[in-house]
Amino acid sequence: MDETPPVDPRESVRRWIPDELPPHGQWQATVRLAAALRRTIDLMMDRDAPEDVMRSAAEATERFAERLASFPKGRSLFGYAETSTAGNPKAMFDSSPFIGLANPIAPPITISVTEKGIEGRVTYGAAYEGPVGHVHGGVVASGFDEVLGMVQSLGGNPGMTGTLNVRYRSPTPLHREVVFRGWIERVDGRKTFTAGTLHAGDTLCAEAEGLFIAVDWERFHRLAQEQ
């Protein structure tokens, strides 16, 4: 009788090593540029700079955009754009709009594995404002989608978001670290039921429940190639 203990799926995430690493120098430069653009976006949302400064910056940015446009399309995107469709908890999410360090529109959320599930820490800047001084509700929902999308991969049968229900309890503050926490409630065949919370310190800002449905990855990738 085989008495080998079952493998905890969380171990593969704790030892998170991407299957393929990007060219270090180029990737480092890309991440640096993304961070600079991210800071620029945040600052321009909340700074009363003179017209000549903004005009000069716009011209310089337009020149840079034209220079980028002169290079061939098709930069290698290492890993996947989102966690819920990766099918591999060890994947790299270089281009994710929520956690990707190389994506300038990502806040980004920093993900870690806990004993219970997944924790995501993030400080939202002015670009994510909804109510004055607070995070837009749609941004909160997208954060839950990403965090719960990661946690459902711990069940070993990852899929895509079926439903996401968010209950807003208290406004989520800008410019302050907030913490998403997510865990698996149960697995029923192709369905993985997850839940999570969002806190600012001791204040509960929101709660969520997510249903993820496993998919035929070969069919999914064929559909993607047809786009």
C-alpha atoms as a PDB file:
ATOM      1  CA  MET A   1       0.000   0.000   0.000  1.00  0.00           C
ATOM      2  CA  ASP A   2       1.373   3.386  -1.027  1.00  0.00           C
ATOM      3  CA  GLU A   3       1.611   5.593   2.075  1.00  0.00           C
ATOM      4  CA  THR A   4       3.207   8.544   0.285  1.00  0.00           C
ATOM      5  CA  PRO A   5       1.539  11.703   1.626  1.00  0.00           C
ATOM      6  CA  PRO A   6      -0.330  13.815  -0.934  1.00  0.00           C
ATOM      7  CA  VAL A   7       1.543  16.766  -2.416  1.00  0.00           C
ATOM      8  CA  ASP A   8       0.363  20.144  -1.146  1.00  0.00           C
ATOM      9  CA  PRO A   9      -0.270  22.258  -4.303  1.00  0.00           C
ATOM     10  CA  ARG A  10       0.851  25.328  -2.353  1.00  0.00           C
ATOM     11  CA  GLU A  11       4.418  24.024  -2.325  1.00  0.00           C
ATOM     12  CA  SER A  12       4.798  24.668  -6.058  1.00  0.00           C
ATOM     13  CA  VAL A  13       3.780  28.279  -5.496  1.00  0.00           C
ATOM     14  CA  ARG A  14       5.983  28.767  -2.426  1.00  0.00           C
ATOM     15  CA  ARG A  15       8.925  27.724  -4.599  1.00  0.00           C
ATOM     16  CA  TRP A  16       7.749  30.041  -7.362  1.00  0.00           C
ATOM     17  CA  ILE A  17      10.346  29.685 -10.119  1.00  0.00           C
ATOM     18  CA  PRO A  18       9.173  30.580 -13.632  1.00  0.00           C
ATOM     19  CA  ASP A  19       9.601  27.875 -16.236  1.00  0.00           C
ATOM     20  CA  GLU A  20      11.476  30.319 -18.452  1.00  0.00           C
ATOM     21  CA  LEU A  21      13.316  33.426 -17.327  1.00  0.00           C
ATOM     22  CA  PRO A  22      13.517  36.481 -19.611  1.00  0.00           C
ATOM     23  CA  PRO A  23      16.809  37.965 -20.842  1.00  0.00           C
ATOM     24  CA  HIS A  24      17.935  39.575 -17.590  1.00  0.00           C
ATOM     25  CA  GLY A  25      19.256  42.888 -18.888  1.00  0.00           C
ATOM     26  CA  GLN A  26      16.354  43.588 -21.226  1.00  0.00           C
ATOM     27  CA  TRP A  27      13.758  42.533 -18.659  1.00  0.00           C
ATOM     28  CA  GLN A  28      15.397  44.622 -15.943  1.00  0.00           C
ATOM     29  CA  ALA A  29      15.313  47.670 -18.221  1.00  0.00           C
ATOM     30  CA  THR A  30      11.661  47.003 -19.113  1.00  0.00           C
ATOM     31  CA  VAL A  31      10.649  46.713 -15.459  1.00  0.00           C
ATOM     32  CA  ARG A  32      12.560  49.931 -14.687  1.00  0.00           C
ATOM     33  CA  LEU A  33      10.755  51.740 -17.509  1.00  0.00           C
ATOM     34  CA  ALA A  34       7.375  50.400 -16.341  1.00  0.00           C
ATOM     35  CA  ALA A  35       8.083  51.648 -12.813  1.00  0.00           C
ATOM     36  CA  ALA A  36       9.038  55.097 -14.137  1.00  0.00           C
ATOM     37  CA  LEU A  37       5.874  55.289 -16.256  1.00  0.00           C
ATOM     38  CA  ARG A  38       3.783  54.102 -13.305  1.00  0.00           C
ATOM     39  CA  ARG A  39       5.202  56.858 -11.099  1.00  0.00           C
ATOM     40  CA  THR A  40       4.691  59.421 -13.853  1.00  0.00           C
ATOM     41  CA  ILE A  41       1.032  58.434 -14.204  1.00  0.00           C
ATOM     42  CA  ASP A  42       0.533  58.703 -10.455  1.00  0.00           C
ATOM     43  CA  LEU A  43       2.227  62.097 -10.194  1.00  0.00           C
ATOM     44  CA  MET A  44       0.465  63.696 -13.142  1.00  0.00           C
ATOM     45  CA  MET A  45      -2.879  62.851 -11.530  1.00  0.00           C
ATOM     46  CA  ASP A  46      -2.079  65.025  -8.522  1.00  0.00           C
ATOM     47  CA  ARG A  47       0.409  67.732  -9.547  1.00  0.00           C
ATOM     48  CA  ASP A  48      -0.321  71.263 -10.756  1.00  0.00           C
ATOM     49  CA  ALA A  49       2.646  71.575 -13.124  1.00  0.00           C
ATOM     50  CA  PRO A  50       2.983  74.607 -15.451  1.00  0.00           C
ATOM     51  CA  GLU A  51       1.809  74.320 -19.047  1.00  0.00           C
ATOM     52  CA  ASP A  52       5.339  74.521 -20.493  1.00  0.00           C
ATOM     53  CA  VAL A  53       6.498  71.606 -18.311  1.00  0.00           C
ATOM     54  CA  MET A  54       3.535  69.448 -19.359  1.00  0.00           C
ATOM     55  CA  ARG A  55       3.946  70.403 -23.024  1.00  0.00           C
ATOM     56  CA  SER A  56       7.653  69.543 -22.953  1.00  0.00           C
ATOM     57  CA  ALA A  57       6.941  66.209 -21.295  1.00  0.00           C
ATOM     58  CA  ALA A  58       4.236  65.426 -23.831  1.00  0.00           C
ATOM     59  CA  GLU A  59       6.606  66.133 -26.729  1.00  0.00           C
ATOM     60  CA  ALA A  60       9.344  63.966 -25.207  1.00  0.00           C
ATOM     61  CA  THR A  61       6.853  61.148 -24.606  1.00  0.00           C
ATOM     62  CA  GLU A  62       5.543  61.397 -28.162  1.00  0.00           C
ATOM     63  CA  ARG A  63       9.108  61.129 -29.498  1.00  0.00           C
ATOM     64  CA  PHE A  64       9.724  58.067 -27.337  1.00  0.00           C
ATOM     65  CA  ALA A  65       6.468  56.480 -28.532  1.00  0.00           C
ATOM     66  CA  GLU A  66       7.521  57.024 -32.144  1.00  0.00           C
ATOM     67  CA  ARG A  67      10.900  55.448 -31.407  1.00  0.00           C
ATOM     68  CA  LEU A  68       9.224  52.418 -29.839  1.00  0.00           C
ATOM     69  CA  ALA A  69       6.907  52.133 -32.840  1.00  0.00           C
ATOM     70  CA  SER A  70       9.933  51.792 -35.120  1.00  0.00           C
ATOM     71  CA  PHE A  71      10.911  48.436 -33.575  1.00  0.00           C
ATOM     72  CA  PRO A  72       9.377  45.095 -34.656  1.00  0.00           C
ATOM     73  CA  LYS A  73       6.175  44.011 -32.941  1.00  0.00           C
ATOM     74  CA  GLY A  74       6.104  40.811 -30.935  1.00  0.00           C
ATOM     75  CA  ARG A  75       8.083  41.322 -27.720  1.00  0.00           C
ATOM     76  CA  SER A  76       8.192  38.049 -25.814  1.00  0.00           C
ATOM     77  CA  LEU A  77       5.658  38.120 -22.977  1.00  0.00           C
ATOM     78  CA  PHE A  78       7.115  35.888 -20.337  1.00  0.00           C
ATOM     79  CA  GLY A  79       4.432  33.821 -18.676  1.00  0.00           C
ATOM     80  CA  TYR A  80       0.805  34.855 -18.790  1.00  0.00           C
ATOM     81  CA  ALA A  81      -1.380  37.936 -18.586  1.00  0.00           C
ATOM     82  CA  GLU A  82      -3.456  36.638 -15.692  1.00  0.00           C
ATOM     83  CA  THR A  83      -3.337  33.965 -13.029  1.00  0.00           C
ATOM     84  CA  SER A  84      -6.725  32.351 -13.534  1.00  0.00           C
ATOM     85  CA  THR A  85      -6.018  31.193 -17.099  1.00  0.00           C
ATOM     86  CA  ALA A  86      -2.354  30.281 -16.738  1.00  0.00           C
ATOM     87  CA  GLY A  87      -2.992  26.689 -15.750  1.00  0.00           C
ATOM     88  CA  ASN A  88       0.336  26.743 -13.946  1.00  0.00           C
ATOM     89  CA  PRO A  89       0.842  28.348 -10.523  1.00  0.00           C
ATOM     90  CA  LYS A  90       4.583  28.634 -11.223  1.00  0.00           C
ATOM     91  CA  ALA A  91       4.046  30.795 -14.275  1.00  0.00           C
ATOM     92  CA  MET A  92       5.459  34.261 -14.579  1.00  0.00           C
ATOM     93  CA  PHE A  93       2.926  37.082 -14.909  1.00  0.00           C
ATOM     94  CA  ASP A  94       5.153  39.654 -16.567  1.00  0.00           C
ATOM     95  CA  SER A  95       2.328  41.373 -18.456  1.00  0.00           C
ATOM     96  CA  SER A  96      -0.530  41.129 -15.953  1.00  0.00           C
ATOM     97  CA  PRO A  97      -2.432  44.440 -15.639  1.00  0.00           C
ATOM     98  CA  PHE A  98      -2.661  43.809 -11.892  1.00  0.00           C
ATOM     99  CA  ILE A  99       0.592  42.172 -10.747  1.00  0.00           C
ATOM    100  CA  GLY A 100       2.927  42.488 -13.744  1.00  0.00           C
ATOM    101  CA  LEU A 101       6.103  44.399 -12.952  1.00  0.00           C
ATOM    102  CA  ALA A 102       6.643  45.007 -16.665  1.00  0.00           C
ATOM    103  CA  ASN A 103       3.156  46.458 -17.136  1.00  0.00           C
ATOM    104  CA  PRO A 104       3.029  50.198 -16.327  1.00  0.00           C
ATOM    105  CA  ILE A 105      -0.724  50.176 -15.624  1.00  0.00           C
ATOM    106  CA  ALA A 106      -0.386  47.503 -12.900  1.00  0.00           C
ATOM    107  CA  PRO A 107      -0.503  48.971  -9.340  1.00  0.00           C
ATOM    108  CA  PRO A 108       1.146  46.319  -8.866  1.00  0.00           C
ATOM    109  CA  ILE A 109      -0.253  43.822  -6.339  1.00  0.00           C
ATOM    110  CA  THR A 110       2.470  41.797  -4.574  1.00  0.00           C
ATOM    111  CA  ILE A 111       1.345  38.177  -4.172  1.00  0.00           C
ATOM    112  CA  SER A 112       2.483  35.695  -1.526  1.00  0.00           C
ATOM    113  CA  VAL A 113       1.311  32.285  -0.335  1.00  0.00           C
ATOM    114  CA  THR A 114       0.032  31.822   3.211  1.00  0.00           C
ATOM    115  CA  GLU A 115      -1.021  28.775   5.190  1.00  0.00           C
ATOM    116  CA  LYS A 116      -4.642  29.528   4.346  1.00  0.00           C
ATOM    117  CA  GLY A 117      -4.301  30.621   0.734  1.00  0.00           C
ATOM    118  CA  ILE A 118      -3.074  33.772  -1.019  1.00  0.00           C
ATOM    119  CA  GLU A 119      -2.293  37.262   0.246  1.00  0.00           C
ATOM    120  CA  GLY A 120      -1.955  40.307  -1.991  1.00  0.00           C
ATOM    121  CA  ARG A 121      -0.560  43.630  -0.775  1.00  0.00           C
ATOM    122  CA  VAL A 122      -0.922  46.841  -2.743  1.00  0.00           C
ATOM    123  CA  THR A 123      -0.927  50.619  -2.381  1.00  0.00           C
ATOM    124  CA  TYR A 124      -3.245  52.245  -4.903  1.00  0.00           C
ATOM    125  CA  GLY A 125      -2.220  55.666  -6.191  1.00  0.00           C
ATOM    126  CA  ALA A 126      -4.266  58.583  -7.502  1.00  0.00           C
ATOM    127  CA  ALA A 127      -4.788  56.945 -10.913  1.00  0.00           C
ATOM    128  CA  TYR A 128      -7.160  54.452  -9.264  1.00  0.00           C
ATOM    129  CA  GLU A 129      -9.375  57.007  -7.522  1.00  0.00           C
ATOM    130  CA  GLY A 130     -13.171  56.683  -7.490  1.00  0.00           C
ATOM    131  CA  PRO A 131     -14.751  58.449  -4.492  1.00  0.00           C
ATOM    132  CA  VAL A 132     -12.522  61.321  -3.396  1.00  0.00           C
ATOM    133  CA  GLY A 133      -9.501  59.892  -1.595  1.00  0.00           C
ATOM    134  CA  HIS A 134     -10.577  56.308  -2.125  1.00  0.00           C
ATOM    135  CA  VAL A 135     -10.176  53.462  -4.625  1.00  0.00           C
ATOM    136  CA  HIS A 136     -12.693  52.998  -7.445  1.00  0.00           C
ATOM    137  CA  GLY A 137     -14.995  50.045  -6.752  1.00  0.00           C
ATOM    138  CA  GLY A 138     -14.219  48.488 -10.132  1.00  0.00           C
ATOM    139  CA  VAL A 139     -10.523  48.451  -9.245  1.00  0.00           C
ATOM    140  CA  VAL A 140     -11.327  46.653  -5.982  1.00  0.00           C
ATOM    141  CA  ALA A 141     -13.308  44.048  -7.929  1.00  0.00           C
ATOM    142  CA  SER A 142     -10.451  43.503 -10.379  1.00  0.00           C
ATOM    143  CA  GLY A 143      -8.070  43.015  -7.450  1.00  0.00           C
ATOM    144  CA  PHE A 144     -10.306  40.279  -6.082  1.00  0.00           C
ATOM    145  CA  ASP A 145     -10.485  38.627  -9.512  1.00  0.00           C
ATOM    146  CA  GLU A 146      -6.697  38.459  -9.646  1.00  0.00           C
ATOM    147  CA  VAL A 147      -6.160  37.260  -6.070  1.00  0.00           C
ATOM    148  CA  LEU A 148      -8.941  34.681  -6.157  1.00  0.00           C
ATOM    149  CA  GLY A 149      -7.745  33.645  -9.612  1.00  0.00           C
ATOM    150  CA  MET A 150      -4.381  32.845  -8.063  1.00  0.00           C
ATOM    151  CA  VAL A 151      -5.806  31.049  -5.035  1.00  0.00           C
ATOM    152  CA  GLN A 152      -7.993  28.744  -7.131  1.00  0.00           C
ATOM    153  CA  SER A 153      -4.851  27.470  -8.866  1.00  0.00           C
ATOM    154  CA  LEU A 154      -3.795  25.993  -5.519  1.00  0.00           C
ATOM    155  CA  GLY A 155      -6.570  23.429  -5.890  1.00  0.00           C
ATOM    156  CA  GLY A 156      -4.751  21.812  -8.801  1.00  0.00           C
ATOM    157  CA  ASN A 157      -7.603  22.305 -11.287  1.00  0.00           C
ATOM    158  CA  PRO A 158      -7.329  25.942 -12.406  1.00  0.00           C
ATOM    159  CA  GLY A 159      -9.839  27.591 -14.669  1.00  0.00           C
ATOM    160  CA  MET A 160     -11.503  30.852 -15.627  1.00  0.00           C
ATOM    161  CA  THR A 161     -13.750  33.165 -13.664  1.00  0.00           C
ATOM    162  CA  GLY A 162     -17.396  32.061 -13.795  1.00  0.00           C
ATOM    163  CA  THR A 163     -18.866  34.520 -11.329  1.00  0.00           C
ATOM    164  CA  LEU A 164     -17.464  37.138  -8.962  1.00  0.00           C
ATOM    165  CA  ASN A 165     -19.592  38.687  -6.232  1.00  0.00           C
ATOM    166  CA  VAL A 166     -18.212  41.647  -4.262  1.00  0.00           C
ATOM    167  CA  ARG A 167     -19.753  43.223  -1.164  1.00  0.00           C
ATOM    168  CA  TYR A 168     -18.364  46.654  -0.330  1.00  0.00           C
ATOM    169  CA  ARG A 169     -18.199  47.257   3.424  1.00  0.00           C
ATOM    170  CA  SER A 170     -16.133  50.439   3.766  1.00  0.00           C
ATOM    171  CA  PRO A 171     -14.355  52.782   1.302  1.00  0.00           C
ATOM    172  CA  THR A 172     -10.867  51.551   0.372  1.00  0.00           C
ATOM    173  CA  PRO A 173      -8.262  54.287   0.975  1.00  0.00           C
ATOM    174  CA  LEU A 174      -5.737  55.509  -1.564  1.00  0.00           C
ATOM    175  CA  HIS A 175      -2.026  55.916  -0.726  1.00  0.00           C
ATOM    176  CA  ARG A 176      -2.162  53.305   2.028  1.00  0.00           C
ATOM    177  CA  GLU A 177      -1.250  49.638   1.896  1.00  0.00           C
ATOM    178  CA  VAL A 178      -4.287  47.382   1.754  1.00  0.00           C
ATOM    179  CA  VAL A 179      -4.344  43.593   1.940  1.00  0.00           C
ATOM    180  CA  PHE A 180      -6.348  41.120  -0.120  1.00  0.00           C
ATOM    181  CA  ARG A 181      -6.692  37.625   1.344  1.00  0.00           C
ATOM    182  CA  GLY A 182      -8.174  34.687  -0.549  1.00  0.00           C
ATOM    183  CA  TRP A 183      -8.821  31.009   0.095  1.00  0.00           C
ATOM    184  CA  ILE A 184     -10.569  27.987  -1.391  1.00  0.00           C
ATOM    185  CA  GLU A 185     -13.964  27.167   0.111  1.00  0.00           C
ATOM    186  CA  ARG A 186     -14.537  23.920  -1.750  1.00  0.00           C
ATOM    187  CA  VAL A 187     -14.011  22.105  -5.052  1.00  0.00           C
ATOM    188  CA  ASP A 188     -16.845  20.383  -6.883  1.00  0.00           C
ATOM    189  CA  GLY A 189     -15.714  18.714 -10.098  1.00  0.00           C
ATOM    190  CA  ARG A 190     -14.747  21.440 -12.569  1.00  0.00           C
ATOM    191  CA  LYS A 191     -15.894  24.153 -10.161  1.00  0.00           C
ATOM    192  CA  THR A 192     -13.654  25.804  -7.564  1.00  0.00           C
ATOM    193  CA  PHE A 193     -15.404  28.032  -5.034  1.00  0.00           C
ATOM    194  CA  THR A 194     -13.258  30.740  -3.457  1.00  0.00           C
ATOM    195  CA  ALA A 195     -13.708  33.596  -1.001  1.00  0.00           C
ATOM    196  CA  GLY A 196     -11.682  36.590   0.089  1.00  0.00           C
ATOM    197  CA  THR A 197     -11.472  39.836   2.033  1.00  0.00           C
ATOM    198  CA  LEU A 198      -9.862  43.229   1.607  1.00  0.00           C
ATOM    199  CA  HIS A 199      -8.606  45.095   4.682  1.00  0.00           C
ATOM    200  CA  ALA A 200      -7.017  48.481   5.337  1.00  0.00           C
ATOM    201  CA  GLY A 201      -5.432  47.834   8.712  1.00  0.00           C
ATOM    202  CA  ASP A 202      -8.217  46.414  10.887  1.00  0.00           C
ATOM    203  CA  THR A 203     -10.984  47.854   8.697  1.00  0.00           C
ATOM    204  CA  LEU A 204     -12.852  45.439   6.437  1.00  0.00           C
ATOM    205  CA  CYS A 205     -13.246  47.237   3.112  1.00  0.00           C
ATOM    206  CA  ALA A 206     -14.808  44.469   1.012  1.00  0.00           C
ATOM    207  CA  GLU A 207     -15.582  40.763   0.789  1.00  0.00           C
ATOM    208  CA  ALA A 208     -15.845  38.572  -2.286  1.00  0.00           C
ATOM    209  CA  GLU A 209     -16.865  35.142  -3.507  1.00  0.00           C
ATOM    210  CA  GLY A 210     -15.573  33.744  -6.770  1.00  0.00           C
ATOM    211  CA  LEU A 211     -16.493  30.690  -8.813  1.00  0.00           C
ATOM    212  CA  PHE A 212     -13.859  29.389 -11.230  1.00  0.00           C
ATOM    213  CA  ILE A 213     -14.533  26.735 -13.843  1.00  0.00           C
ATOM    214  CA  ALA A 214     -11.826  24.467 -15.257  1.00  0.00           C
ATOM    215  CA  VAL A 215     -11.514  24.605 -19.038  1.00  0.00           C
ATOM    216  CA  ASP A 216     -10.062  22.550 -21.851  1.00  0.00           C
ATOM    217  CA  TRP A 217      -6.694  24.328 -22.154  1.00  0.00           C
ATOM    218  CA  GLU A 218      -5.961  22.978 -25.622  1.00  0.00           C
ATOM    219  CA  ARG A 219      -9.267  24.375 -26.880  1.00  0.00           C
ATOM    220  CA  PHE A 220      -8.630  27.667 -25.051  1.00  0.00           C
ATOM    221  CA  HIS A 221      -5.204  28.092 -26.665  1.00  0.00           C
ATOM    222  CA  ARG A 222      -6.610  27.246 -30.113  1.00  0.00           C
ATOM    223  CA  LEU A 223      -9.205  29.997 -29.674  1.00  0.00           C
ATOM    224  CA  ALA A 224      -6.479  32.429 -28.606  1.00  0.00           C
ATOM    225  CA  GLN A 225      -4.412  31.633 -31.708  1.00  0.00           C
ATOM    226  CA  GLU A 226      -7.420  32.401 -33.922  1.00  0.00           C
ATOM    227  CA  GLN A 227      -7.592  36.001 -32.700  1.00  0.00           C
END
